[in-house]
Each structure stands twice: as C-alpha cells, then as structure tokens.
N, C-alpha and C. Protein backbone atom coordinates (compact mmCIF):
# COMPACT_ATOMS: atom_id res chain seq x y z
N MET A 1 18.59 60.27 13.48
CA MET A 1 19.86 60.71 13.00
C MET A 1 20.94 60.66 13.79
N ARG A 2 22.14 60.15 13.16
CA ARG A 2 23.44 60.21 14.06
C ARG A 2 24.33 61.29 13.44
N LEU A 3 25.39 61.93 14.06
CA LEU A 3 26.44 62.57 13.49
C LEU A 3 27.53 61.95 13.44
N VAL A 4 27.99 61.62 12.18
CA VAL A 4 29.19 60.74 11.99
C VAL A 4 30.38 61.65 11.49
N ALA A 5 31.50 61.91 12.13
CA ALA A 5 32.55 62.73 11.79
C ALA A 5 33.78 61.92 11.75
N PHE A 6 34.33 62.14 10.39
CA PHE A 6 35.50 61.46 10.00
C PHE A 6 36.79 62.51 9.86
N ASP A 7 37.95 62.11 10.26
CA ASP A 7 39.14 62.65 9.96
C ASP A 7 39.47 62.42 8.38
N PHE A 8 40.20 63.13 7.84
CA PHE A 8 40.42 62.89 6.41
C PHE A 8 41.79 62.16 6.29
N ASP A 9 42.91 63.00 6.26
CA ASP A 9 44.27 62.32 5.97
C ASP A 9 44.56 61.26 6.93
N GLY A 10 44.78 60.01 6.43
CA GLY A 10 45.17 58.81 7.21
C GLY A 10 43.73 58.01 7.73
N THR A 11 42.66 58.68 7.38
CA THR A 11 41.33 57.93 7.74
C THR A 11 40.52 57.77 6.37
N LEU A 12 39.86 58.74 5.96
CA LEU A 12 39.17 58.42 4.70
C LEU A 12 40.19 58.34 3.43
N SER A 13 41.33 59.02 3.58
CA SER A 13 42.16 58.96 2.56
C SER A 13 43.67 58.51 3.24
N ASP A 14 44.26 57.84 2.20
CA ASP A 14 45.71 57.47 2.53
C ASP A 14 46.65 58.46 2.10
N SER A 15 46.04 59.45 1.34
CA SER A 15 46.90 60.62 0.91
C SER A 15 47.26 61.52 2.10
N GLU A 16 48.56 62.10 2.01
CA GLU A 16 48.85 63.08 3.09
C GLU A 16 49.05 64.39 2.20
N MET A 17 48.11 65.27 2.36
CA MET A 17 48.00 66.49 1.58
C MET A 17 49.44 67.28 1.59
N THR A 18 50.02 67.49 2.76
CA THR A 18 51.15 68.35 2.72
C THR A 18 52.47 67.60 2.20
N VAL A 19 52.41 66.36 2.23
CA VAL A 19 53.54 65.63 1.48
C VAL A 19 53.31 65.76 -0.02
N LEU A 20 52.19 65.60 -0.52
CA LEU A 20 51.93 65.66 -2.07
C LEU A 20 52.40 67.19 -2.26
N LEU A 21 51.81 68.16 -1.47
CA LEU A 21 52.39 69.62 -1.85
C LEU A 21 53.85 69.64 -1.65
N GLY A 22 54.50 69.11 -0.65
CA GLY A 22 55.83 69.11 -0.58
C GLY A 22 56.62 68.56 -1.82
N GLU A 23 56.10 67.46 -2.22
CA GLU A 23 56.91 66.99 -3.56
C GLU A 23 57.16 67.98 -4.67
N ARG A 24 56.20 69.00 -4.59
CA ARG A 24 56.23 70.03 -5.65
C ARG A 24 57.46 70.98 -5.54
N THR A 25 57.96 70.89 -4.13
CA THR A 25 58.91 71.96 -3.64
C THR A 25 60.14 71.25 -3.10
N GLY A 26 60.25 69.90 -3.28
CA GLY A 26 61.38 69.07 -2.90
C GLY A 26 61.55 69.02 -1.32
N VAL A 27 60.34 69.18 -0.59
CA VAL A 27 60.41 69.01 0.99
C VAL A 27 59.45 68.03 1.46
N ALA A 28 59.24 66.97 0.69
CA ALA A 28 58.25 66.02 1.02
C ALA A 28 58.60 65.11 2.30
N GLY A 29 60.01 64.84 2.35
CA GLY A 29 60.68 64.04 3.46
C GLY A 29 60.50 64.94 4.71
N ARG A 30 60.66 66.19 4.64
CA ARG A 30 60.62 67.00 5.86
C ARG A 30 59.04 67.11 6.30
N MET A 31 58.20 67.16 5.19
CA MET A 31 56.74 67.16 5.61
C MET A 31 56.38 65.92 6.34
N ALA A 32 56.88 64.82 5.69
CA ALA A 32 56.31 63.61 6.30
C ALA A 32 56.91 63.28 7.71
N ASP A 33 58.19 63.64 8.10
CA ASP A 33 58.67 63.74 9.39
C ASP A 33 58.07 64.74 10.42
N ILE A 34 57.47 65.85 10.00
CA ILE A 34 56.79 66.81 10.90
C ILE A 34 55.45 66.10 11.15
N THR A 35 54.74 65.54 10.11
CA THR A 35 53.60 64.99 10.23
C THR A 35 53.39 63.86 11.24
N GLU A 36 54.42 62.96 11.18
CA GLU A 36 54.55 61.80 11.76
C GLU A 36 54.63 62.23 13.18
N ARG A 37 55.57 63.13 13.59
CA ARG A 37 55.67 63.61 14.98
C ARG A 37 54.45 64.15 15.59
N ALA A 38 53.68 64.94 14.67
CA ALA A 38 52.39 65.41 15.15
C ALA A 38 51.30 64.18 15.48
N MET A 39 51.22 63.24 14.63
CA MET A 39 50.22 62.18 14.71
C MET A 39 50.55 61.45 15.89
N ASN A 40 51.82 61.40 16.42
CA ASN A 40 52.31 60.52 17.42
C ASN A 40 52.14 61.35 18.76
N ASP A 41 51.62 62.59 18.70
CA ASP A 41 51.68 63.65 19.88
C ASP A 41 52.88 63.90 20.30
N GLU A 42 53.98 64.01 19.59
CA GLU A 42 55.19 64.62 19.89
C GLU A 42 55.39 65.99 19.68
N LEU A 43 54.44 66.47 18.90
CA LEU A 43 54.37 68.07 18.45
C LEU A 43 53.17 68.59 18.35
N SER A 44 52.80 69.64 18.80
CA SER A 44 51.40 70.16 18.79
C SER A 44 50.92 70.23 17.31
N TYR A 45 49.78 69.92 17.12
CA TYR A 45 49.27 70.04 15.65
C TYR A 45 49.52 71.46 15.12
N ALA A 46 48.96 72.43 15.85
CA ALA A 46 49.09 73.85 15.37
C ALA A 46 50.42 74.07 14.81
N GLU A 47 51.58 73.61 15.71
CA GLU A 47 52.98 74.10 15.46
C GLU A 47 53.34 73.28 14.20
N SER A 48 52.85 71.96 14.12
CA SER A 48 53.22 71.21 13.08
C SER A 48 52.73 71.66 11.71
N LEU A 49 51.49 72.30 11.74
CA LEU A 49 50.81 72.74 10.54
C LEU A 49 51.47 73.98 9.95
N ARG A 50 51.76 74.99 11.19
CA ARG A 50 52.33 76.12 10.45
C ARG A 50 53.74 75.85 10.17
N GLU A 51 54.46 74.92 10.56
CA GLU A 51 55.85 74.62 10.17
C GLU A 51 55.80 73.99 8.76
N ARG A 52 54.79 73.08 8.53
CA ARG A 52 54.64 72.53 7.26
C ARG A 52 54.36 73.50 6.18
N ALA A 53 53.27 74.48 6.54
CA ALA A 53 52.79 75.43 5.48
C ALA A 53 53.85 76.34 5.32
N SER A 54 54.88 76.79 6.20
CA SER A 54 55.84 77.69 6.02
C SER A 54 56.97 77.01 4.94
N LEU A 55 56.96 75.80 4.76
CA LEU A 55 57.93 75.18 3.67
C LEU A 55 57.28 75.35 2.42
N LEU A 56 56.09 75.65 2.18
CA LEU A 56 55.35 75.76 1.06
C LEU A 56 55.37 77.18 0.39
N ALA A 57 56.05 78.19 1.17
CA ALA A 57 55.90 79.42 0.64
C ALA A 57 56.56 79.66 -0.61
N GLY A 58 55.86 80.49 -1.68
CA GLY A 58 56.31 80.67 -2.93
C GLY A 58 55.81 79.70 -3.97
N LEU A 59 55.19 78.47 -3.51
CA LEU A 59 54.69 77.55 -4.42
C LEU A 59 53.59 78.01 -5.38
N ASP A 60 53.70 77.95 -6.67
CA ASP A 60 52.71 78.34 -7.58
C ASP A 60 51.47 77.72 -7.35
N GLU A 61 50.28 78.55 -7.36
CA GLU A 61 48.91 78.17 -7.11
C GLU A 61 48.74 76.86 -8.06
N SER A 62 49.11 76.95 -9.25
CA SER A 62 48.83 75.78 -10.20
C SER A 62 49.51 74.50 -9.75
N GLU A 63 50.62 74.58 -9.29
CA GLU A 63 51.15 73.39 -8.73
C GLU A 63 50.59 72.95 -7.55
N ALA A 64 50.01 73.63 -6.57
CA ALA A 64 49.23 73.34 -5.49
C ALA A 64 47.99 72.62 -5.97
N ASP A 65 47.33 73.10 -7.02
CA ASP A 65 46.12 72.56 -7.67
C ASP A 65 46.41 71.19 -8.05
N ALA A 66 47.69 70.96 -8.75
CA ALA A 66 48.02 69.78 -9.15
C ALA A 66 48.32 68.64 -8.16
N ALA A 67 48.76 69.18 -7.17
CA ALA A 67 48.89 68.29 -5.91
C ALA A 67 47.58 67.88 -5.28
N PHE A 68 46.71 68.79 -5.10
CA PHE A 68 45.35 68.44 -4.57
C PHE A 68 44.62 67.54 -5.59
N ASP A 69 44.88 67.62 -6.70
CA ASP A 69 44.16 66.69 -7.66
C ASP A 69 44.51 65.29 -7.60
N LYS A 70 45.63 65.01 -6.86
CA LYS A 70 46.23 63.75 -6.64
C LYS A 70 45.49 63.00 -5.38
N VAL A 71 44.83 63.78 -4.59
CA VAL A 71 44.19 63.30 -3.33
C VAL A 71 42.97 62.35 -3.75
N ARG A 72 43.13 61.15 -2.97
CA ARG A 72 42.02 60.15 -3.33
C ARG A 72 41.49 59.63 -1.95
N LEU A 73 40.18 59.25 -2.05
CA LEU A 73 39.61 58.51 -0.98
C LEU A 73 40.22 57.02 -1.03
N ARG A 74 40.11 56.31 0.17
CA ARG A 74 40.48 54.89 0.21
C ARG A 74 39.59 54.17 -0.34
N PRO A 75 40.14 53.02 -0.89
CA PRO A 75 38.98 51.97 -1.67
C PRO A 75 37.86 51.77 -0.40
N GLY A 76 36.60 51.93 -0.97
CA GLY A 76 35.39 51.50 -0.13
C GLY A 76 35.05 52.75 0.74
N ALA A 77 35.83 53.91 0.74
CA ALA A 77 35.33 55.03 1.54
C ALA A 77 34.02 55.72 1.03
N ALA A 78 33.83 55.80 -0.19
CA ALA A 78 32.93 56.48 -0.79
C ALA A 78 31.57 55.59 -0.45
N ASP A 79 31.61 54.15 -0.62
CA ASP A 79 30.59 53.49 -0.30
C ASP A 79 30.07 53.63 1.30
N VAL A 80 31.02 53.73 2.14
CA VAL A 80 30.52 53.92 3.47
C VAL A 80 29.85 55.31 3.67
N ILE A 81 30.43 56.31 3.01
CA ILE A 81 29.77 57.72 3.05
C ILE A 81 28.37 57.57 2.55
N GLU A 82 28.24 57.03 1.40
CA GLU A 82 26.88 56.96 0.64
C GLU A 82 25.89 56.03 1.66
N ARG A 83 26.35 54.96 2.17
CA ARG A 83 25.56 54.21 3.04
C ARG A 83 25.04 54.97 4.27
N LEU A 84 26.02 55.61 4.73
CA LEU A 84 25.52 56.51 5.98
C LEU A 84 24.44 57.65 5.72
N ARG A 85 24.73 58.24 4.54
CA ARG A 85 23.88 59.35 4.12
C ARG A 85 22.48 58.65 3.67
N ASP A 86 22.58 57.44 3.10
CA ASP A 86 21.24 56.96 2.58
C ASP A 86 20.47 56.56 3.90
N ALA A 87 21.16 56.19 5.09
CA ALA A 87 20.47 55.80 6.27
C ALA A 87 19.95 57.04 7.03
N GLY A 88 20.29 58.28 6.53
CA GLY A 88 19.79 59.54 7.07
C GLY A 88 20.69 60.15 8.14
N HIS A 89 21.78 59.72 8.11
CA HIS A 89 22.95 60.43 8.98
C HIS A 89 23.67 61.53 8.37
N HIS A 90 24.14 62.30 9.27
CA HIS A 90 24.74 63.65 8.83
C HIS A 90 26.19 63.18 8.93
N VAL A 91 26.74 63.29 7.69
CA VAL A 91 28.24 62.91 7.64
C VAL A 91 29.24 64.19 7.55
N ALA A 92 30.17 64.24 8.37
CA ALA A 92 31.00 65.53 8.37
C ALA A 92 32.45 64.98 8.33
N ILE A 93 33.17 65.85 7.76
CA ILE A 93 34.68 65.67 7.63
C ILE A 93 35.40 66.96 8.37
N LEU A 94 35.96 66.45 9.53
CA LEU A 94 36.85 67.50 10.46
C LEU A 94 38.30 67.18 10.25
N THR A 95 38.86 68.10 9.45
CA THR A 95 40.30 67.78 9.20
C THR A 95 41.14 69.02 9.39
N GLY A 96 42.30 68.86 9.85
CA GLY A 96 43.48 69.92 9.85
C GLY A 96 44.04 70.00 8.28
N GLY A 97 43.59 69.14 7.37
CA GLY A 97 44.03 69.19 6.07
C GLY A 97 43.30 70.38 5.31
N PHE A 98 43.27 70.34 4.09
CA PHE A 98 42.94 71.41 3.28
C PHE A 98 41.59 71.33 2.44
N GLU A 99 40.76 72.30 2.38
CA GLU A 99 39.42 72.16 1.84
C GLU A 99 39.61 71.62 0.32
N ARG A 100 40.43 72.22 -0.43
CA ARG A 100 40.47 71.99 -1.85
C ARG A 100 40.80 70.47 -2.07
N GLY A 101 41.77 69.93 -1.24
CA GLY A 101 42.11 68.46 -1.45
C GLY A 101 40.93 67.50 -1.12
N VAL A 102 40.09 67.92 0.00
CA VAL A 102 38.98 67.08 0.30
C VAL A 102 38.02 67.12 -0.65
N GLU A 103 37.71 68.39 -1.25
CA GLU A 103 36.72 68.59 -2.36
C GLU A 103 36.96 67.76 -3.46
N ARG A 104 38.37 67.83 -3.93
CA ARG A 104 38.77 66.94 -5.10
C ARG A 104 38.50 65.57 -4.95
N ALA A 105 39.01 65.04 -3.77
CA ALA A 105 38.85 63.61 -3.66
C ALA A 105 37.42 63.17 -3.67
N LEU A 106 36.36 63.89 -3.07
CA LEU A 106 35.13 63.77 -3.20
C LEU A 106 34.56 63.76 -4.60
N GLU A 107 35.01 64.73 -5.33
CA GLU A 107 34.63 64.88 -6.76
C GLU A 107 34.94 63.77 -7.59
N HIS A 108 36.22 63.24 -7.30
CA HIS A 108 36.84 62.04 -8.16
C HIS A 108 35.84 61.00 -8.02
N GLU A 109 35.32 60.76 -6.73
CA GLU A 109 34.35 59.46 -6.44
C GLU A 109 32.87 59.83 -6.60
N ASP A 110 32.54 61.20 -7.14
CA ASP A 110 31.12 61.49 -7.28
C ASP A 110 30.30 61.18 -5.96
N VAL A 111 30.96 61.59 -4.86
CA VAL A 111 30.35 61.42 -3.35
C VAL A 111 30.43 62.77 -2.85
N ALA A 112 29.24 63.03 -1.73
CA ALA A 112 29.26 64.21 -1.21
C ALA A 112 29.07 63.87 0.32
N VAL A 113 29.38 64.95 1.14
CA VAL A 113 29.21 64.77 2.53
C VAL A 113 28.48 66.02 2.88
N ASP A 114 27.82 66.10 4.08
CA ASP A 114 27.10 67.15 4.53
C ASP A 114 27.85 68.43 5.07
N THR A 115 28.85 68.22 5.67
CA THR A 115 29.66 69.24 6.36
C THR A 115 31.14 68.97 6.15
N ILE A 116 31.90 70.11 5.69
CA ILE A 116 33.49 69.87 5.70
C ILE A 116 33.96 71.14 6.62
N VAL A 117 34.83 70.79 7.68
CA VAL A 117 35.43 71.73 8.31
C VAL A 117 36.98 71.45 8.11
N ALA A 118 37.76 72.46 7.41
CA ALA A 118 39.01 72.20 7.18
C ALA A 118 39.78 73.53 6.99
N ASN A 119 41.11 73.43 6.77
CA ASN A 119 41.84 74.72 6.57
C ASN A 119 42.02 75.21 5.24
N ARG A 120 42.74 76.28 5.09
CA ARG A 120 43.00 76.68 3.69
C ARG A 120 44.46 77.34 3.73
N LEU A 121 45.04 77.25 2.50
CA LEU A 121 46.50 77.90 2.21
C LEU A 121 46.23 79.13 1.45
N PRO A 122 46.44 80.29 2.12
CA PRO A 122 46.13 81.58 1.46
C PRO A 122 47.16 81.66 0.30
N THR A 123 46.77 82.55 -0.67
CA THR A 123 47.75 82.87 -1.96
C THR A 123 47.81 84.36 -2.00
N GLU A 124 48.89 84.71 -2.66
CA GLU A 124 49.07 86.17 -2.97
C GLU A 124 49.82 86.30 -4.25
N ASN A 125 49.33 86.95 -5.23
CA ASN A 125 49.86 87.07 -6.50
C ASN A 125 50.20 85.68 -7.17
N GLY A 126 49.23 84.70 -6.97
CA GLY A 126 49.37 83.36 -7.56
C GLY A 126 50.14 82.37 -7.02
N ARG A 127 50.71 82.73 -5.68
CA ARG A 127 51.64 81.75 -5.25
C ARG A 127 51.14 81.54 -3.59
N LEU A 128 51.50 80.49 -2.99
CA LEU A 128 51.18 80.08 -1.60
C LEU A 128 52.07 81.22 -0.81
N THR A 129 51.44 81.75 0.20
CA THR A 129 52.15 82.73 1.08
C THR A 129 53.13 82.07 2.22
N GLY A 130 52.73 80.82 2.56
CA GLY A 130 53.38 80.06 3.42
C GLY A 130 52.74 80.10 4.76
N GLY A 131 51.48 80.73 4.73
CA GLY A 131 50.66 80.69 6.01
C GLY A 131 49.46 79.76 5.91
N VAL A 132 48.71 79.62 6.84
CA VAL A 132 47.69 78.75 6.93
C VAL A 132 46.49 79.46 7.62
N GLU A 133 45.21 79.15 7.19
CA GLU A 133 44.03 79.71 7.79
C GLU A 133 43.05 78.70 7.94
N GLY A 134 42.14 78.81 9.01
CA GLY A 134 41.01 78.01 9.25
C GLY A 134 40.64 77.68 10.55
N ALA A 135 39.58 76.92 10.79
CA ALA A 135 39.11 76.82 12.19
C ALA A 135 39.75 75.64 13.01
N LEU A 136 40.50 74.69 12.22
CA LEU A 136 41.22 73.72 12.93
C LEU A 136 42.72 73.76 12.79
N ILE A 137 43.09 75.03 13.21
CA ILE A 137 44.59 75.05 13.42
C ILE A 137 44.94 75.06 14.99
N THR A 138 44.35 75.93 15.58
CA THR A 138 44.32 75.93 17.04
C THR A 138 43.14 75.42 17.73
N GLY A 139 41.92 75.66 16.95
CA GLY A 139 40.77 74.89 17.27
C GLY A 139 40.92 73.37 17.47
N THR A 140 40.24 72.83 18.30
CA THR A 140 40.14 71.26 18.40
C THR A 140 38.92 70.77 17.95
N LYS A 141 39.10 69.36 17.57
CA LYS A 141 37.93 68.64 17.03
C LYS A 141 36.90 68.29 17.91
N ASP A 142 37.03 68.33 19.19
CA ASP A 142 35.91 68.19 19.99
C ASP A 142 34.98 69.38 20.01
N ASP A 143 35.60 70.40 19.94
CA ASP A 143 34.72 71.77 19.89
C ASP A 143 33.91 71.81 18.65
N ALA A 144 34.66 71.41 17.46
CA ALA A 144 34.10 71.29 16.17
C ALA A 144 32.88 70.30 16.24
N LEU A 145 33.15 69.31 16.82
CA LEU A 145 32.13 68.09 16.86
C LEU A 145 31.02 68.59 17.71
N ALA A 146 31.21 69.17 18.92
CA ALA A 146 30.14 69.72 19.78
C ALA A 146 29.29 70.67 19.15
N SER A 147 30.03 71.74 18.51
CA SER A 147 29.32 72.69 17.78
C SER A 147 28.34 72.28 16.69
N LEU A 148 28.84 71.41 15.92
CA LEU A 148 27.99 70.89 14.96
C LEU A 148 26.84 69.94 15.35
N ALA A 149 27.16 69.21 16.55
CA ALA A 149 26.04 68.53 17.25
C ALA A 149 24.88 69.25 17.73
N ASP A 150 25.48 70.45 18.36
CA ASP A 150 24.49 71.42 18.82
C ASP A 150 23.60 72.19 17.94
N ASP A 151 24.24 72.39 16.61
CA ASP A 151 23.53 73.00 15.43
C ASP A 151 22.52 72.04 14.88
N LEU A 152 22.85 70.73 14.91
CA LEU A 152 21.91 69.60 14.40
C LEU A 152 20.94 69.21 15.41
N ASP A 153 21.12 69.60 16.61
CA ASP A 153 20.28 69.11 17.60
C ASP A 153 20.40 67.42 17.88
N VAL A 154 21.70 67.23 17.77
CA VAL A 154 22.14 65.64 18.06
C VAL A 154 22.80 65.50 19.24
N PRO A 155 22.31 64.93 20.23
CA PRO A 155 23.29 64.76 21.44
C PRO A 155 24.53 64.05 21.25
N LEU A 156 25.52 64.51 21.93
CA LEU A 156 26.83 63.92 21.76
C LEU A 156 26.97 62.35 21.89
N PRO A 157 26.28 61.87 22.84
CA PRO A 157 26.24 60.34 22.84
C PRO A 157 25.71 59.72 21.48
N ARG A 158 25.10 60.39 20.79
CA ARG A 158 24.65 59.80 19.32
C ARG A 158 25.57 60.16 18.12
N SER A 159 26.75 60.65 18.60
CA SER A 159 27.81 60.96 17.49
C SER A 159 28.70 59.84 17.47
N ILE A 160 29.29 59.79 16.25
CA ILE A 160 30.35 58.72 16.15
C ILE A 160 31.62 59.57 15.42
N ALA A 161 32.77 59.20 16.04
CA ALA A 161 34.06 59.81 15.44
C ALA A 161 34.88 58.84 14.87
N VAL A 162 35.68 58.89 13.80
CA VAL A 162 36.51 57.99 13.13
C VAL A 162 37.90 58.74 12.74
N GLY A 163 39.02 58.45 13.49
CA GLY A 163 40.17 59.04 13.26
C GLY A 163 41.50 58.29 13.54
N ASP A 164 42.65 58.67 13.22
CA ASP A 164 43.79 58.03 13.30
C ASP A 164 44.86 58.65 14.11
N GLY A 165 44.91 59.78 14.32
CA GLY A 165 46.10 60.68 14.86
C GLY A 165 45.93 61.46 16.11
N ALA A 166 46.81 61.98 16.66
CA ALA A 166 46.74 62.66 17.86
C ALA A 166 45.73 63.83 17.83
N ASN A 167 45.70 64.56 16.72
CA ASN A 167 44.85 65.56 16.63
C ASN A 167 43.21 65.18 16.53
N ASP A 168 43.05 63.83 16.39
CA ASP A 168 41.77 63.25 16.45
C ASP A 168 41.38 62.86 17.91
N LEU A 169 42.25 62.87 18.85
CA LEU A 169 42.00 62.50 20.15
C LEU A 169 40.81 63.09 20.75
N PRO A 170 40.75 64.57 20.77
CA PRO A 170 39.70 65.31 21.27
C PRO A 170 38.40 64.84 20.94
N MET A 171 38.12 64.66 19.63
CA MET A 171 36.75 64.29 19.18
C MET A 171 36.54 62.73 19.50
N LEU A 172 37.50 61.96 19.54
CA LEU A 172 37.42 60.47 19.97
C LEU A 172 37.05 60.40 21.20
N GLU A 173 37.44 61.27 22.11
CA GLU A 173 37.35 61.19 23.59
C GLU A 173 35.96 61.52 24.00
N VAL A 174 35.38 62.49 23.21
CA VAL A 174 33.93 62.88 23.47
C VAL A 174 32.72 62.33 22.72
N ALA A 175 33.06 61.74 21.63
CA ALA A 175 31.95 61.04 20.77
C ALA A 175 31.46 59.88 21.47
N GLY A 176 30.01 59.53 21.11
CA GLY A 176 29.30 58.26 21.66
C GLY A 176 30.00 57.08 21.37
N LEU A 177 30.58 56.91 20.03
CA LEU A 177 31.27 55.80 19.69
C LEU A 177 32.44 56.37 19.01
N SER A 178 33.75 55.80 19.39
CA SER A 178 35.13 56.26 18.85
C SER A 178 35.67 55.11 18.11
N ILE A 179 36.10 55.28 16.91
CA ILE A 179 36.52 54.24 16.06
C ILE A 179 37.93 54.78 15.48
N GLY A 180 38.89 53.98 15.71
CA GLY A 180 40.26 54.11 15.18
C GLY A 180 40.52 53.52 14.04
N TYR A 181 40.85 54.25 12.97
CA TYR A 181 41.24 53.72 11.79
C TYR A 181 42.76 53.47 11.57
N LEU A 182 43.28 52.48 11.82
CA LEU A 182 44.71 52.21 11.92
C LEU A 182 45.35 53.10 12.77
N PRO A 183 44.73 53.31 13.97
CA PRO A 183 45.22 54.54 14.92
C PRO A 183 46.69 54.42 15.28
N LYS A 184 47.22 55.54 15.58
CA LYS A 184 48.78 55.65 16.07
C LYS A 184 48.57 55.01 17.54
N ASP A 185 49.90 54.60 18.08
CA ASP A 185 49.63 54.05 19.27
C ASP A 185 49.07 54.81 20.42
N ALA A 186 49.36 56.29 20.33
CA ALA A 186 48.91 57.05 21.39
C ALA A 186 47.46 57.34 21.31
N VAL A 187 46.83 57.12 20.15
CA VAL A 187 45.44 57.04 19.88
C VAL A 187 44.54 55.98 20.32
N ARG A 188 45.21 54.84 20.22
CA ARG A 188 44.44 53.50 20.32
C ARG A 188 43.64 53.37 21.73
N PRO A 189 44.06 53.81 22.82
CA PRO A 189 43.49 53.68 23.97
C PRO A 189 42.18 54.36 24.18
N ALA A 190 42.02 55.42 23.31
CA ALA A 190 40.80 56.26 23.24
C ALA A 190 39.67 55.75 22.47
N CYS A 191 40.07 54.65 21.74
CA CYS A 191 39.17 54.15 20.72
C CYS A 191 38.17 53.02 21.24
N ASP A 192 36.97 52.92 21.04
CA ASP A 192 36.01 51.91 21.39
C ASP A 192 36.23 50.73 20.51
N ALA A 193 36.65 50.93 19.21
CA ALA A 193 36.90 49.89 18.29
C ALA A 193 37.99 50.37 17.26
N VAL A 194 38.58 49.35 16.68
CA VAL A 194 39.72 49.62 15.88
C VAL A 194 39.50 48.90 14.55
N VAL A 195 39.50 49.48 13.29
CA VAL A 195 39.31 48.94 12.00
C VAL A 195 40.66 49.15 11.17
N ALA A 196 40.73 48.24 10.09
CA ALA A 196 42.06 48.48 9.33
C ALA A 196 41.58 48.63 7.73
N SER A 197 40.22 48.71 7.36
CA SER A 197 39.70 48.83 6.10
C SER A 197 38.46 49.44 6.08
N MET A 198 38.02 49.93 5.04
CA MET A 198 36.68 50.68 4.94
C MET A 198 35.48 49.52 4.88
N PRO A 199 35.75 48.40 4.27
CA PRO A 199 34.87 47.35 4.42
C PRO A 199 34.52 46.79 5.84
N ARG A 200 35.70 46.93 6.53
CA ARG A 200 35.67 46.46 7.95
C ARG A 200 34.79 47.56 8.80
N LEU A 201 35.12 48.67 8.43
CA LEU A 201 34.34 49.91 9.17
C LEU A 201 32.78 49.73 8.86
N GLY A 202 32.55 49.35 7.57
CA GLY A 202 31.04 49.12 7.27
C GLY A 202 30.51 48.00 8.10
N THR A 203 31.17 46.95 8.23
CA THR A 203 30.71 45.88 8.97
C THR A 203 30.63 46.21 10.51
N LEU A 204 31.42 47.18 10.97
CA LEU A 204 31.32 47.55 12.44
C LEU A 204 30.04 48.29 12.58
N LEU A 205 29.88 49.23 11.54
CA LEU A 205 28.77 50.07 11.67
C LEU A 205 27.51 49.24 11.53
N GLU A 206 27.32 48.24 10.78
CA GLU A 206 26.28 47.28 10.83
C GLU A 206 26.02 46.80 12.13
N SER A 207 27.07 46.27 12.89
CA SER A 207 26.82 45.85 13.96
C SER A 207 26.27 46.62 15.18
N HIS A 208 26.58 47.95 14.91
CA HIS A 208 25.97 48.85 15.85
C HIS A 208 24.75 49.47 15.35
N ASN A 209 24.00 48.81 14.27
CA ASN A 209 22.84 49.32 13.78
C ASN A 209 22.78 50.80 13.34
N VAL A 210 24.09 51.14 12.74
CA VAL A 210 24.00 52.46 12.27
C VAL A 210 23.62 52.41 10.70
N ILE A 211 24.09 51.37 10.03
CA ILE A 211 23.67 51.27 8.64
C ILE A 211 23.09 49.75 8.53
N ARG A 212 22.35 49.52 7.54
CA ARG A 212 21.64 48.09 7.38
C ARG A 212 22.66 47.30 6.72
N ARG A 213 22.55 46.02 7.07
CA ARG A 213 23.45 45.03 6.53
C ARG A 213 23.20 44.77 5.10
N GLU A 214 24.24 44.61 4.23
CA GLU A 214 24.17 44.46 2.91
C GLU A 214 23.82 43.02 2.41
C-alpha cells in the first residue's frame, strides 16, 4: 500500500472555493488576487487564508452552501482516485480549502477518498463569521502527510504527493514521489514529474507501477 496525497483547489479541482464564495459577496476579484499571490509564494498561506475569509464575513450560510455546490472535480480525477483505491492505496486530500466544498465535489462524482484534511468556515446565527478554522491554516502539509503516514505505518518514501501551489511545497519536498499538476513556477523545482491532465497523471502512475495499465 502507498499513501497518495492530493491538493484540491488547482489540482483535483479547477474550482477555487474562495473565489466561488467571493462571487456571492462581490469580492471574487480580490479573492483571486490574494490566492494567486499565495500560490506564487508571495504571501504566507495562513495570512492569505485569513484575509480571504475576512472578506466573507456576514455571508448567509445558504449562499455559502450554494457556492460549495458548484465545486467540481477535474475531468478524469474521479477515475484516478478510483483506480488508486482499487489498487489498495490510501488516498488523502490535504487542502487549505474547505471540507464542505471537497465533500460536495466528491458526492457529485459518486467517488470517495480515505482521508480529508481541510479547513472550515465557522458560522454564527446562520452567517459566516469571517473567521476560519482547521489544521491547515498555520499547519503545513508535510506535517499532515507525515502524521498520516505514521498512522498508516507507511514509510514516507512510499508516499506520493500531487499539488500545484506554494502551500503544497512542504509535502512535495518530503514525499517519495512528488508530482506537480500544472505547478506554479515556484513549485516546479520541487517536482519529480509534472502533468497537465488527469489522464496524463494516470499514465504517469502506471509508469511507476502504482496502478495497473488499462
């Protein structure tokens, strides 16, 4: 068994959750700018996440749910997840994004993963508070990957990480196989391989004997 950890926004999904939420409050452009700066390692991820969450203060929970319902997996992502799980691997999503969006996207494709480590947007009186909670605000993905590997008794050299942005760098740097999915320029040097589609990711995993050839 291997541990395969995916980033979500920008990797398994081309949806950007905070932008979808921002569209509900007229701040999508500001959200996209903050996200881009963070993914290019120009702004700390924790700072960027708190800044983006603060722009959502007062958003009705029903509006947030409607935004999360628009989150989708990339074409072919569900197939890669299913093939990995069918091969006996533990599939995890480690994301600074939000649990509800990840869960909705998986439900739309009727696919499951083994572990989700994500953040949450707290509510009060039916509205977002503008705060954010979760393990991956100040925590880093290398720690999350190492902790999960330890729990599963999987050596880190048998782990695989797939990501695209600066907050993925910690797990890409410690995983046994690091794969960039359309990675930002600051991330590319940490990748053992780079892919631009889910079918290409499947082919790459076949070449490493992680999943069987179709």
